[in-house]
Amino acid sequence: MVTERQEINKVKRCPLCDGEMRDGITAIPFLVSEKVVVIKDVPAEICSECGEAYMKSSVVDKVESVLDKLEALHSEMSVVHYAAA
């Protein structure tokens, strides 16, 4: 049986290289209907070894909403800040 203290001390591992995942901020590029969108300052878990970034589950809904709004703008390239969206 896993105690609460053991669960708190459990380190998340990168699915690519098994490095330690740490909280951080990143920029994530997307290709949406042949348009380039970059969302900056996205809260993410970032691998300390390979640098791969993964969006936190709590962030995904907001990012999807931002992408939906930007798709309606008909611009070919957009760069937005996560906090401003």
Protein backbone atom coordinates (compact mmCIF):
# COMPACT_ATOMS: atom_id res chain seq x y z
CA MET A 1 0.00 0.00 0.00
CA VAL A 2 1.38 3.42 -1.00
CA THR A 3 1.30 6.03 1.73
CA GLU A 4 0.48 9.70 1.06
CA ARG A 5 4.10 10.69 1.78
CA GLN A 6 5.40 8.16 -0.80
CA GLU A 7 2.96 9.52 -3.39
CA ILE A 8 4.12 13.12 -2.78
CA ASN A 9 7.79 12.12 -3.14
CA LYS A 10 7.13 10.18 -6.35
CA VAL A 11 9.02 11.80 -9.24
CA LYS A 12 7.35 11.97 -12.64
CA ARG A 13 9.47 10.50 -15.43
CA CYS A 14 9.70 11.46 -19.09
CA PRO A 15 8.06 8.87 -21.35
CA LEU A 16 10.82 9.40 -23.96
CA CYS A 17 14.04 9.21 -21.97
CA ASP A 18 13.02 8.53 -18.34
CA GLY A 19 14.43 11.90 -17.22
CA GLU A 20 12.89 13.81 -14.33
CA MET A 21 9.89 16.00 -15.21
CA ARG A 22 9.79 19.50 -13.71
CA ASP A 23 7.25 22.30 -13.82
CA GLY A 24 8.13 25.06 -16.26
CA ILE A 25 7.00 27.36 -19.06
CA THR A 26 7.37 26.67 -22.79
CA ALA A 27 6.30 27.80 -26.25
CA ILE A 28 4.31 25.26 -28.23
CA PRO A 29 3.90 25.39 -32.03
CA PHE A 30 0.78 24.06 -33.74
CA LEU A 31 -0.25 23.56 -37.36
CA VAL A 32 -3.99 24.24 -37.69
CA SER A 33 -5.60 24.00 -41.13
CA GLU A 34 -2.27 24.88 -42.81
CA LYS A 35 -1.77 27.87 -40.45
CA VAL A 36 1.09 28.17 -37.98
CA VAL A 37 0.18 29.07 -34.40
CA VAL A 38 2.69 29.49 -31.58
CA ILE A 39 1.42 29.82 -28.02
CA LYS A 40 4.08 31.23 -25.69
CA ASP A 41 4.42 30.96 -21.91
CA VAL A 42 2.40 27.74 -21.64
CA PRO A 43 2.61 25.99 -18.24
CA ALA A 44 4.10 22.56 -18.87
CA GLU A 45 6.04 19.69 -17.42
CA ILE A 46 9.51 19.71 -18.99
CA CYS A 47 12.04 16.90 -18.97
CA SER A 48 15.31 17.87 -17.28
CA GLU A 49 17.23 15.49 -19.59
CA CYS A 50 15.85 15.79 -23.14
CA GLY A 51 13.88 19.04 -22.79
CA GLU A 52 10.63 17.58 -24.14
CA ALA A 53 7.64 19.59 -22.89
CA TYR A 54 4.21 18.20 -22.07
CA MET A 55 1.15 20.35 -21.46
CA LYS A 56 -0.47 19.83 -18.11
CA SER A 57 -3.97 18.42 -18.35
CA SER A 58 -5.36 21.56 -16.71
CA VAL A 59 -3.96 23.63 -19.61
CA VAL A 60 -5.25 21.58 -22.56
CA ASP A 61 -8.81 22.99 -22.56
CA LYS A 62 -7.59 26.59 -22.65
CA VAL A 63 -5.11 25.84 -25.45
CA GLU A 64 -7.86 24.16 -27.50
CA SER A 65 -10.08 27.22 -26.98
CA VAL A 66 -7.28 29.54 -28.13
CA LEU A 67 -6.69 27.43 -31.24
CA ASP A 68 -10.42 27.48 -32.09
CA LYS A 69 -10.51 31.28 -31.82
CA LEU A 70 -7.39 31.75 -33.91
CA GLU A 71 -8.66 29.45 -36.63
CA ALA A 72 -11.56 31.86 -37.19
CA LEU A 73 -9.18 34.80 -37.77
CA HIS A 74 -7.95 33.47 -41.13
CA SER A 75 -4.38 34.59 -40.47
CA GLU A 76 -1.54 32.48 -41.82
CA MET A 77 0.59 32.80 -38.68
CA SER A 78 -0.24 33.77 -35.10
CA VAL A 79 1.90 34.12 -31.98
CA VAL A 80 -0.01 34.57 -28.73
CA HIS A 81 0.77 34.51 -25.03
CA TYR A 82 -1.08 31.87 -23.02
CA ALA A 83 -1.98 34.26 -20.20
CA ALA A 84 -3.44 36.84 -22.58
CA ALA A 85 -5.62 34.35 -24.44
